[in-house]
C-alpha atoms as a PDB file:
ATOM      1  CA  MET A   1       0.000   0.000   0.000  1.00  0.00           C
ATOM      2  CA  PRO A   2       1.185   3.589  -0.622  1.00  0.00           C
ATOM      3  CA  GLU A   3       3.212   5.519   1.907  1.00  0.00           C
ATOM      4  CA  HIS A   4       1.836   8.700   3.482  1.00  0.00           C
ATOM      5  CA  HIS A   5       2.222  11.547   1.040  1.00  0.00           C
ATOM      6  CA  VAL A   6       0.321  14.830   1.006  1.00  0.00           C
ATOM      7  CA  ILE A   7       0.859  17.347  -1.786  1.00  0.00           C
ATOM      8  CA  HIS A   8       1.210  20.962  -0.634  1.00  0.00           C
ATOM      9  CA  ARG A   9       0.686  23.762  -3.130  1.00  0.00           C
ATOM     10  CA  PRO A  10       0.763  27.448  -2.235  1.00  0.00           C
ATOM     11  CA  ARG A  11      -1.983  28.627  -4.577  1.00  0.00           C
ATOM     12  CA  ALA A  12      -5.319  29.604  -3.100  1.00  0.00           C
ATOM     13  CA  ALA A  13      -8.081  26.997  -3.034  1.00  0.00           C
ATOM     14  CA  ARG A  14     -11.093  27.541  -5.258  1.00  0.00           C
ATOM     15  CA  PRO A  15     -14.098  25.412  -6.149  1.00  0.00           C
ATOM     16  CA  PRO A  16     -13.989  23.467  -9.403  1.00  0.00           C
ATOM     17  CA  THR A  17     -15.656  25.108 -12.363  1.00  0.00           C
ATOM     18  CA  PRO A  18     -19.148  23.578 -12.738  1.00  0.00           C
ATOM     19  CA  LEU A  19     -19.682  21.371 -15.747  1.00  0.00           C
ATOM     20  CA  ARG A  20     -21.088  22.992 -18.843  1.00  0.00           C
ATOM     21  CA  SER A  21     -24.348  21.121 -18.381  1.00  0.00           C
ATOM     22  CA  SER A  22     -26.247  19.979 -15.309  1.00  0.00           C
ATOM     23  CA  ALA A  23     -27.468  16.944 -17.230  1.00  0.00           C
ATOM     24  CA  PRO A  24     -26.755  13.608 -15.532  1.00  0.00           C
ATOM     25  CA  TRP A  25     -23.519  11.864 -16.418  1.00  0.00           C
ATOM     26  CA  ARG A  26     -22.839   8.146 -16.697  1.00  0.00           C
ATOM     27  CA  LEU A  27     -20.032   5.861 -15.620  1.00  0.00           C
ATOM     28  CA  SER A  28     -19.125   5.392 -19.278  1.00  0.00           C
ATOM     29  CA  ASP A  29     -18.205   9.101 -19.393  1.00  0.00           C
ATOM     30  CA  ILE A  30     -15.184   8.455 -17.137  1.00  0.00           C
ATOM     31  CA  ASP A  31     -12.052   7.357 -19.005  1.00  0.00           C
ATOM     32  CA  TYR A  32     -10.557   5.041 -16.387  1.00  0.00           C
ATOM     33  CA  ALA A  33      -8.017   3.718 -18.884  1.00  0.00           C
ATOM     34  CA  ALA A  34      -6.437   7.177 -18.911  1.00  0.00           C
ATOM     35  CA  ILE A  35      -5.610   7.183 -15.169  1.00  0.00           C
ATOM     36  CA  ASP A  36      -2.025   8.259 -14.530  1.00  0.00           C
ATOM     37  CA  ARG A  37      -1.214   5.921 -11.628  1.00  0.00           C
ATOM     38  CA  THR A  38       2.174   7.547 -11.037  1.00  0.00           C
ATOM     39  CA  ARG A  39       0.356  10.604  -9.620  1.00  0.00           C
ATOM     40  CA  VAL A  40      -1.616   8.686  -6.985  1.00  0.00           C
ATOM     41  CA  ALA A  41       0.156   5.374  -6.342  1.00  0.00           C
ATOM     42  CA  ASN A  42       2.178   6.557  -3.330  1.00  0.00           C
ATOM     43  CA  ASP A  43      -0.432   8.811  -1.739  1.00  0.00           C
ATOM     44  CA  SER A  44      -1.929   6.772   1.093  1.00  0.00           C
ATOM     45  CA  THR A  45      -4.054   9.665   2.337  1.00  0.00           C
ATOM     46  CA  LEU A  46      -5.712   9.954  -1.063  1.00  0.00           C
ATOM     47  CA  PHE A  47      -6.124   6.177  -1.353  1.00  0.00           C
ATOM     48  CA  THR A  48      -7.792   5.959   2.057  1.00  0.00           C
ATOM     49  CA  LEU A  49     -10.012   8.999   1.503  1.00  0.00           C
ATOM     50  CA  VAL A  50     -11.273   7.891  -1.917  1.00  0.00           C
ATOM     51  CA  THR A  51     -11.813   4.308  -0.767  1.00  0.00           C
ATOM     52  CA  MET A  52     -13.734   5.394   2.326  1.00  0.00           C
ATOM     53  CA  ALA A  53     -15.894   7.693   0.194  1.00  0.00           C
ATOM     54  CA  SER A  54     -16.574   4.844  -2.236  1.00  0.00           C
ATOM     55  CA  PHE A  55     -17.738   2.615   0.638  1.00  0.00           C
ATOM     56  CA  VAL A  56     -20.073   5.160   2.224  1.00  0.00           C
ATOM     57  CA  GLU A  57     -21.488   6.382  -1.102  1.00  0.00           C
ATOM     58  CA  THR A  58     -22.086   2.818  -2.311  1.00  0.00           C
ATOM     59  CA  GLY A  59     -24.092   2.117   0.845  1.00  0.00           C
ATOM     60  CA  SER A  60     -26.032   5.396   0.685  1.00  0.00           C
ATOM     61  CA  ASP A  61     -29.219   3.679  -0.484  1.00  0.00           C
ATOM     62  CA  LEU A  62     -29.779   2.526   3.127  1.00  0.00           C
ATOM     63  CA  TYR A  63     -30.205   6.114   4.291  1.00  0.00           C
ATOM     64  CA  ALA A  64     -32.005   7.115   1.085  1.00  0.00           C
ATOM     65  CA  HIS A  65     -34.785   4.612   1.754  1.00  0.00           C
ATOM     66  CA  VAL A  66     -35.350   6.109   5.218  1.00  0.00           C
ATOM     67  CA  LEU A  67     -35.530   9.623   3.782  1.00  0.00           C
ATOM     68  CA  VAL A  68     -37.926   8.558   1.041  1.00  0.00           C
ATOM     69  CA  SER A  69     -40.242   7.005   3.622  1.00  0.00           C
ATOM     70  CA  TYR A  70     -40.132  10.222   5.690  1.00  0.00           C
ATOM     71  CA  PHE A  71     -41.488  12.146   2.692  1.00  0.00           C
ATOM     72  CA  ASP A  72     -43.892   9.451   1.506  1.00  0.00           C
ATOM     73  CA  GLN A  73     -46.835  11.874   1.686  1.00  0.00           C
ATOM     74  CA  ASP A  74     -45.129  14.263  -0.736  1.00  0.00           C
ATOM     75  CA  PRO A  75     -44.895  12.606  -4.183  1.00  0.00           C
ATOM     76  CA  GLU A  76     -42.684  15.354  -5.627  1.00  0.00           C
ATOM     77  CA  VAL A  77     -39.995  15.202  -2.955  1.00  0.00           C
ATOM     78  CA  ALA A  78     -40.181  11.410  -2.492  1.00  0.00           C
ATOM     79  CA  GLY A  79     -40.087  10.900  -6.253  1.00  0.00           C
ATOM     80  CA  TRP A  80     -36.996  13.085  -6.687  1.00  0.00           C
ATOM     81  CA  LEU A  81     -35.244  11.388  -3.768  1.00  0.00           C
ATOM     82  CA  ALA A  82     -35.950   7.885  -5.092  1.00  0.00           C
ATOM     83  CA  GLN A  83     -35.503   8.479  -8.814  1.00  0.00           C
ATOM     84  CA  SER A  84     -32.693  11.049  -8.935  1.00  0.00           C
ATOM     85  CA  TRP A  85     -30.906  11.672  -5.648  1.00  0.00           C
ATOM     86  CA  GLU A  86     -30.498   8.046  -4.570  1.00  0.00           C
ATOM     87  CA  HIS A  87     -29.448   6.935  -8.069  1.00  0.00           C
ATOM     88  CA  GLU A  88     -26.810   9.661  -8.325  1.00  0.00           C
ATOM     89  CA  GLU A  89     -25.424   9.038  -4.833  1.00  0.00           C
ATOM     90  CA  VAL A  90     -25.052   5.327  -5.556  1.00  0.00           C
ATOM     91  CA  GLN A  91     -23.437   6.185  -8.906  1.00  0.00           C
ATOM     92  CA  HIS A  92     -20.884   8.267  -7.026  1.00  0.00           C
ATOM     93  CA  GLY A  93     -19.999   5.128  -5.088  1.00  0.00           C
ATOM     94  CA  ALA A  94     -19.724   3.035  -8.245  1.00  0.00           C
ATOM     95  CA  ALA A  95     -17.555   5.654  -9.956  1.00  0.00           C
ATOM     96  CA  LEU A  96     -15.220   5.947  -6.973  1.00  0.00           C
ATOM     97  CA  ARG A  97     -15.039   2.171  -6.658  1.00  0.00           C
ATOM     98  CA  ALA A  98     -14.005   1.868 -10.303  1.00  0.00           C
ATOM     99  CA  TYR A  99     -11.347   4.508  -9.746  1.00  0.00           C
ATOM    100  CA  VAL A 100      -9.910   2.654  -6.728  1.00  0.00           C
ATOM    101  CA  GLU A 101      -9.839  -0.621  -8.652  1.00  0.00           C
ATOM    102  CA  HIS A 102      -7.983   0.973 -11.575  1.00  0.00           C
ATOM    103  CA  ALA A 103      -5.615   3.196  -9.596  1.00  0.00           C
ATOM    104  CA  TRP A 104      -4.764   0.719  -6.812  1.00  0.00           C
ATOM    105  CA  PRO A 105      -5.392  -2.705  -8.418  1.00  0.00           C
ATOM    106  CA  ASP A 106      -3.793  -4.655  -5.564  1.00  0.00           C
ATOM    107  CA  PHE A 107      -6.587  -3.621  -3.203  1.00  0.00           C
ATOM    108  CA  ASP A 108      -9.446  -6.152  -3.041  1.00  0.00           C
ATOM    109  CA  TRP A 109     -12.296  -3.625  -3.004  1.00  0.00           C
ATOM    110  CA  GLN A 110     -15.213  -6.080  -3.057  1.00  0.00           C
ATOM    111  CA  THR A 111     -13.981  -8.255  -0.195  1.00  0.00           C
ATOM    112  CA  VAL A 112     -13.220  -5.297   2.058  1.00  0.00           C
ATOM    113  CA  TYR A 113     -16.474  -3.558   1.151  1.00  0.00           C
ATOM    114  CA  ASP A 114     -18.482  -6.692   1.946  1.00  0.00           C
ATOM    115  CA  ALA A 115     -16.970  -6.766   5.447  1.00  0.00           C
ATOM    116  CA  PHE A 116     -17.653  -3.048   5.860  1.00  0.00           C
ATOM    117  CA  PHE A 117     -21.254  -3.322   4.673  1.00  0.00           C
ATOM    118  CA  GLU A 118     -22.022  -6.248   6.968  1.00  0.00           C
ATOM    119  CA  GLU A 119     -21.185  -4.031   9.940  1.00  0.00           C
ATOM    120  CA  TYR A 120     -22.503  -0.773   8.452  1.00  0.00           C
ATOM    121  CA  ALA A 121     -25.931  -2.216   7.619  1.00  0.00           C
ATOM    122  CA  LYS A 122     -26.475  -3.211  11.246  1.00  0.00           C
ATOM    123  CA  THR A 123     -25.740   0.270  12.538  1.00  0.00           C
ATOM    124  CA  CYS A 124     -27.450   2.255   9.767  1.00  0.00           C
ATOM    125  CA  THR A 125     -30.881   2.194  11.371  1.00  0.00           C
ATOM    126  CA  LEU A 126     -33.486   4.962  11.459  1.00  0.00           C
ATOM    127  CA  PRO A 127     -31.415   8.135  11.857  1.00  0.00           C
ATOM    128  CA  ASP A 128     -32.345  11.019  14.109  1.00  0.00           C
ATOM    129  CA  LEU A 129     -34.371  12.959  11.578  1.00  0.00           C
ATOM    130  CA  GLU A 130     -35.540  16.445  12.457  1.00  0.00           C
ATOM    131  CA  PRO A 131     -39.029  16.706  13.986  1.00  0.00           C
ATOM    132  CA  SER A 132     -40.461  18.460  10.932  1.00  0.00           C
ATOM    133  CA  ARG A 133     -39.880  17.915   7.237  1.00  0.00           C
ATOM    134  CA  GLY A 134     -38.921  21.526   6.695  1.00  0.00           C
ATOM    135  CA  LEU A 135     -36.192  21.354   9.310  1.00  0.00           C
ATOM    136  CA  GLU A 136     -34.934  18.047   7.895  1.00  0.00           C
ATOM    137  CA  LEU A 137     -34.639  19.699   4.489  1.00  0.00           C
ATOM    138  CA  ALA A 138     -32.663  22.543   6.089  1.00  0.00           C
ATOM    139  CA  ALA A 139     -30.385  19.944   7.691  1.00  0.00           C
ATOM    140  CA  ARG A 140     -29.937  18.244   4.324  1.00  0.00           C
ATOM    141  CA  CYS A 141     -28.697  21.563   2.938  1.00  0.00           C
ATOM    142  CA  VAL A 142     -25.881  21.410   5.487  1.00  0.00           C
ATOM    143  CA  VAL A 143     -25.028  17.824   4.526  1.00  0.00           C
ATOM    144  CA  GLU A 144     -24.866  18.754   0.842  1.00  0.00           C
ATOM    145  CA  MET A 145     -22.712  21.754   1.720  1.00  0.00           C
ATOM    146  CA  GLY A 146     -20.327  19.391   3.492  1.00  0.00           C
ATOM    147  CA  THR A 147     -20.093  16.882   0.652  1.00  0.00           C
ATOM    148  CA  ALA A 148     -19.692  19.660  -1.914  1.00  0.00           C
ATOM    149  CA  THR A 149     -16.825  21.021   0.187  1.00  0.00           C
ATOM    150  CA  LEU A 150     -15.207  17.573   0.342  1.00  0.00           C
ATOM    151  CA  TYR A 151     -15.246  17.046  -3.414  1.00  0.00           C
ATOM    152  CA  SER A 152     -14.228  20.630  -4.127  1.00  0.00           C
ATOM    153  CA  SER A 153     -11.232  20.141  -1.820  1.00  0.00           C
ATOM    154  CA  LEU A 154     -10.432  16.827  -3.484  1.00  0.00           C
ATOM    155  CA  HIS A 155     -10.614  18.435  -6.923  1.00  0.00           C
ATOM    156  CA  ASP A 156      -8.235  21.203  -5.883  1.00  0.00           C
ATOM    157  CA  TYR A 157      -5.825  18.787  -4.180  1.00  0.00           C
ATOM    158  CA  VAL A 158      -5.392  16.060  -6.768  1.00  0.00           C
ATOM    159  CA  GLU A 159      -3.167  16.343  -9.814  1.00  0.00           C
ATOM    160  CA  GLU A 160      -4.278  13.119 -11.511  1.00  0.00           C
ATOM    161  CA  PRO A 161      -6.603  14.238 -14.373  1.00  0.00           C
ATOM    162  CA  VAL A 162      -9.209  11.452 -14.228  1.00  0.00           C
ATOM    163  CA  LEU A 163      -9.806  11.808 -10.489  1.00  0.00           C
ATOM    164  CA  LYS A 164      -9.860  15.602 -10.849  1.00  0.00           C
ATOM    165  CA  ASP A 165     -12.569  15.239 -13.509  1.00  0.00           C
ATOM    166  CA  LEU A 166     -14.542  12.769 -11.390  1.00  0.00           C
ATOM    167  CA  ALA A 167     -14.358  15.018  -8.316  1.00  0.00           C
ATOM    168  CA  ALA A 168     -15.648  17.934 -10.403  1.00  0.00           C
ATOM    169  CA  ARG A 169     -18.608  15.858 -11.634  1.00  0.00           C
ATOM    170  CA  ILE A 170     -19.546  14.736  -8.129  1.00  0.00           C
ATOM    171  CA  TYR A 171     -19.098  18.286  -6.824  1.00  0.00           C
ATOM    172  CA  ALA A 172     -21.502  19.570  -9.484  1.00  0.00           C
ATOM    173  CA  ASP A 173     -24.024  16.893  -8.483  1.00  0.00           C
ATOM    174  CA  GLU A 174     -23.791  17.848  -4.806  1.00  0.00           C
ATOM    175  CA  VAL A 175     -24.327  21.541  -5.531  1.00  0.00           C
ATOM    176  CA  ARG A 176     -27.334  20.648  -7.683  1.00  0.00           C
ATOM    177  CA  HIS A 177     -28.686  18.422  -4.896  1.00  0.00           C
ATOM    178  CA  TYR A 178     -28.316  21.337  -2.496  1.00  0.00           C
ATOM    179  CA  LYS A 179     -30.443  23.501  -4.787  1.00  0.00           C
ATOM    180  CA  HIS A 180     -33.206  20.882  -4.791  1.00  0.00           C
ATOM    181  CA  PHE A 181     -33.181  20.508  -1.005  1.00  0.00           C
ATOM    182  CA  TYR A 182     -33.172  24.281  -0.582  1.00  0.00           C
ATOM    183  CA  ARG A 183     -36.107  24.721  -2.963  1.00  0.00           C
ATOM    184  CA  TYR A 184     -38.109  22.078  -1.115  1.00  0.00           C
ATOM    185  CA  PHE A 185     -37.138  23.666   2.212  1.00  0.00           C
ATOM    186  CA  ARG A 186     -38.551  27.016   1.104  1.00  0.00           C
ATOM    187  CA  ARG A 187     -41.834  25.378   0.147  1.00  0.00           C
ATOM    188  CA  TYR A 188     -42.136  23.656   3.536  1.00  0.00           C
ATOM    189  CA  GLN A 189     -41.016  26.799   5.360  1.00  0.00           C
ATOM    190  CA  GLN A 190     -43.982  28.662   3.933  1.00  0.00           C
ATOM    191  CA  ARG A 191     -46.234  26.174   5.720  1.00  0.00           C
ATOM    192  CA  GLU A 192     -44.265  25.458   8.881  1.00  0.00           C
ATOM    193  CA  ALA A 193     -42.929  29.022   9.407  1.00  0.00           C
ATOM    194  CA  HIS A 194     -40.006  28.182  11.691  1.00  0.00           C
ATOM    195  CA  GLY A 195     -38.241  31.131  13.258  1.00  0.00           C
ATOM    196  CA  ARG A 196     -34.685  31.891  12.185  1.00  0.00           C
ATOM    197  CA  TRP A 197     -33.408  30.879  15.611  1.00  0.00           C
ATOM    198  CA  ARG A 198     -34.823  27.367  15.217  1.00  0.00           C
ATOM    199  CA  VAL A 199     -33.596  27.023  11.641  1.00  0.00           C
ATOM    200  CA  GLY A 200     -30.156  28.275  12.647  1.00  0.00           C
ATOM    201  CA  ARG A 201     -30.013  25.863  15.565  1.00  0.00           C
ATOM    202  CA  THR A 202     -30.881  23.004  13.199  1.00  0.00           C
ATOM    203  CA  LEU A 203     -28.152  24.053  10.769  1.00  0.00           C
ATOM    204  CA  ALA A 204     -25.548  24.295  13.532  1.00  0.00           C
ATOM    205  CA  LYS A 205     -26.587  20.977  15.064  1.00  0.00           C
ATOM    206  CA  ARG A 206     -26.242  19.124  11.766  1.00  0.00           C
ATOM    207  CA  MET A 207     -23.013  20.925  10.945  1.00  0.00           C
ATOM    208  CA  PHE A 208     -21.329  19.871  14.175  1.00  0.00           C
ATOM    209  CA  ALA A 209     -22.999  16.498  14.577  1.00  0.00           C
ATOM    210  CA  SER A 210     -20.622  13.581  14.921  1.00  0.00           C
ATOM    211  CA  ARG A 211     -19.347  12.645  11.475  1.00  0.00           C
ATOM    212  CA  ASP A 212     -17.077   9.889  12.731  1.00  0.00           C
ATOM    213  CA  ASP A 213     -19.385   6.860  12.831  1.00  0.00           C
ATOM    214  CA  ASP A 214     -19.625   6.075   9.116  1.00  0.00           C
ATOM    215  CA  GLY A 215     -16.115   7.278   8.404  1.00  0.00           C
ATOM    216  CA  TYR A 216     -14.518   5.378  11.262  1.00  0.00           C
ATOM    217  CA  CYS A 217     -16.319   2.185  10.264  1.00  0.00           C
ATOM    218  CA  ALA A 218     -15.020   2.546   6.690  1.00  0.00           C
ATOM    219  CA  TYR A 219     -11.537   3.486   7.892  1.00  0.00           C
ATOM    220  CA  ARG A 220     -11.224   0.479  10.184  1.00  0.00           C
ATOM    221  CA  HIS A 221     -11.997  -1.954   7.381  1.00  0.00           C
ATOM    222  CA  VAL A 222      -9.558  -0.282   4.996  1.00  0.00           C
ATOM    223  CA  TRP A 223      -6.951  -0.177   7.795  1.00  0.00           C
ATOM    224  CA  HIS A 224      -7.339  -3.862   8.672  1.00  0.00           C
ATOM    225  CA  ALA A 225      -6.987  -4.799   4.994  1.00  0.00           C
ATOM    226  CA  THR A 226      -3.852  -2.709   4.465  1.00  0.00           C
ATOM    227  CA  ARG A 227      -2.093  -2.223   7.830  1.00  0.00           C
ATOM    228  CA  GLY A 228      -3.570  -4.745  10.250  1.00  0.00           C
ATOM    229  CA  GLY A 229      -1.061  -7.037  11.933  1.00  0.00           C
ATOM    230  CA  GLU A 230       1.738  -4.468  11.945  1.00  0.00           C
ATOM    231  CA  GLY A 231       1.469  -3.844  15.665  1.00  0.00           C
ATOM    232  CA  ARG A 232      -0.175  -0.467  15.062  1.00  0.00           C
ATOM    233  CA  SER A 233      -3.166   1.150  16.755  1.00  0.00           C
ATOM    234  CA  VAL A 234      -6.183   1.772  14.519  1.00  0.00           C
ATOM    235  CA  GLU A 235      -7.402   4.569  16.801  1.00  0.00           C
ATOM    236  CA  ARG A 236      -4.061   6.357  16.695  1.00  0.00           C
ATOM    237  CA  ASP A 237      -3.735   5.912  12.931  1.00  0.00           C
ATOM    238  CA  TYR A 238      -7.287   7.175  12.410  1.00  0.00           C
ATOM    239  CA  GLN A 239      -6.569  10.340  14.374  1.00  0.00           C
ATOM    240  CA  ALA A 240      -3.409  10.891  12.329  1.00  0.00           C
ATOM    241  CA  PHE A 241      -5.445  10.365   9.157  1.00  0.00           C
ATOM    242  CA  LEU A 242      -8.031  12.932  10.317  1.00  0.00           C
ATOM    243  CA  ASP A 243      -5.223  15.402  11.010  1.00  0.00           C
ATOM    244  CA  ARG A 244      -3.913  14.969   7.458  1.00  0.00           C
ATOM    245  CA  VAL A 245      -7.391  15.337   5.963  1.00  0.00           C
ATOM    246  CA  GLY A 246      -7.936  18.446   8.090  1.00  0.00           C
ATOM    247  CA  THR A 247      -4.726  19.944   6.718  1.00  0.00           C
ATOM    248  CA  LEU A 248      -5.852  19.090   3.195  1.00  0.00           C
ATOM    249  CA  ALA A 249      -9.259  20.708   3.768  1.00  0.00           C
ATOM    250  CA  ARG A 250      -7.815  23.902   5.247  1.00  0.00           C
ATOM    251  CA  ARG A 251      -5.484  24.287   2.276  1.00  0.00           C
ATOM    252  CA  HIS A 252      -7.900  23.341  -0.492  1.00  0.00           C
ATOM    253  CA  ALA A 253     -11.496  23.902   0.641  1.00  0.00           C
ATOM    254  CA  PRO A 254     -13.414  26.762  -1.000  1.00  0.00           C
ATOM    255  CA  ARG A 255     -13.852  29.847   1.132  1.00  0.00           C
ATOM    256  CA  GLU A 256     -17.091  31.642   0.216  1.00  0.00           C
ATOM    257  CA  LEU A 257     -19.532  29.236  -1.460  1.00  0.00           C
ATOM    258  CA  PRO A 258     -19.961  26.969   1.624  1.00  0.00           C
ATOM    259  CA  VAL A 259     -20.652  30.058   3.739  1.00  0.00           C
ATOM    260  CA  ASP A 260     -23.354  31.189   1.307  1.00  0.00           C
ATOM    261  CA  MET A 261     -24.829  27.665   1.240  1.00  0.00           C
ATOM    262  CA  LEU A 262     -24.899  27.566   5.028  1.00  0.00           C
ATOM    263  CA  LEU A 263     -26.637  30.925   5.407  1.00  0.00           C
ATOM    264  CA  ARG A 264     -29.216  30.646   2.643  1.00  0.00           C
ATOM    265  CA  PRO A 265     -31.860  28.688   4.605  1.00  0.00           C
ATOM    266  CA  LEU A 266     -31.963  31.522   7.163  1.00  0.00           C
ATOM    267  CA  GLN A 267     -33.349  33.805   4.419  1.00  0.00           C
ATOM    268  CA  LEU A 268     -31.793  36.847   6.043  1.00  0.00           C
ATOM    269  CA  PRO A 269     -32.566  40.393   4.911  1.00  0.00           C
ATOM    270  CA  ALA A 270     -29.737  42.167   3.080  1.00  0.00           C
ATOM    271  CA  PRO A 271     -28.774  44.491   5.996  1.00  0.00           C
ATOM    272  CA  ALA A 272     -28.108  41.475   8.235  1.00  0.00           C
ATOM    273  CA  LEU A 273     -26.008  39.514   5.753  1.00  0.00           C
ATOM    274  CA  SER A 274     -22.668  41.206   6.352  1.00  0.00           C
ATOM    275  CA  GLY A 275     -22.573  40.448  10.079  1.00  0.00           C
ATOM    276  CA  ALA A 276     -24.027  36.973   9.548  1.00  0.00           C
ATOM    277  CA  LYS A 277     -21.336  36.137   6.986  1.00  0.00           C
ATOM    278  CA  ALA A 278     -18.592  37.093   9.427  1.00  0.00           C
ATOM    279  CA  ILE A 279     -20.051  34.715  12.030  1.00  0.00           C
ATOM    280  CA  ALA A 280     -20.610  31.973   9.440  1.00  0.00           C
ATOM    281  CA  ARG A 281     -17.025  32.250   8.202  1.00  0.00           C
ATOM    282  CA  THR A 282     -15.788  31.728  11.764  1.00  0.00           C
ATOM    283  CA  LEU A 283     -18.049  28.680  12.198  1.00  0.00           C
ATOM    284  CA  TYR A 284     -16.908  27.304   8.843  1.00  0.00           C
ATOM    285  CA  ARG A 285     -13.224  27.647   9.730  1.00  0.00           C
ATOM    286  CA  TRP A 286     -13.931  25.969  13.059  1.00  0.00           C
ATOM    287  CA  TRP A 287     -15.768  23.156  11.235  1.00  0.00           C
ATOM    288  CA  LEU A 288     -12.799  22.625   8.916  1.00  0.00           C
ATOM    289  CA  HIS A 289     -10.575  22.194  11.984  1.00  0.00           C
ATOM    290  CA  ALA A 290     -13.015  19.814  13.709  1.00  0.00           C
END
């Protein structure tokens, strides 16, 4: 397996340019044969991050089914979740899996994923959804902000062209998903009329909720397959991995778009935006360090 290697570049981070079209893409659009393995082979942080993402995204249909059932009385939202959002999230997993299998062919993706999924499926029960559908949609905006930030950071970090292209495609999907969740949130907000304090509390709660459960489960299975038996501590290695990913995010994450995405559900009047952005930027920087 590759040794630890993180690329540092002094240029400022910026989000990838959105694709020319928001039309759905297919796995056949990714030219896996063109992967330049010399640019990724020795980067263990990248290998672990992409593999973990492929595991969690591949298993995302478990959570999608719960969300669809939560909105079963709303055919428009439930239909979009089942027919578009779930399909695209699972495709992200398939695309990342194919990348791992081409870039790091010695890694037995299916065997390790099967072990991961056996454990993950038992713990992925009914999540703590928000008490109202409008608030859950606001929370989903935060989740999409987070995933968009991840893939934007990945796009800015990597130098291998195929993975850079794939990260840009997934980033564009996540931003588009955010727009759908935000549009549905506004519709529900007209009915439920939550105060800004309650919406803001929901956004902050989801933003700083524990993100370790899924990631740690995926990490442990990758770790056992690649480093187990070396007399190392998985907990200590996981913390070191999180430190490296945190450094990557602080260097390569976009600065302004996530802040705008975070604030939008508050629907603040223009005079309040300047002060709110200053607070949101502080929270965002804190989140990147978490």
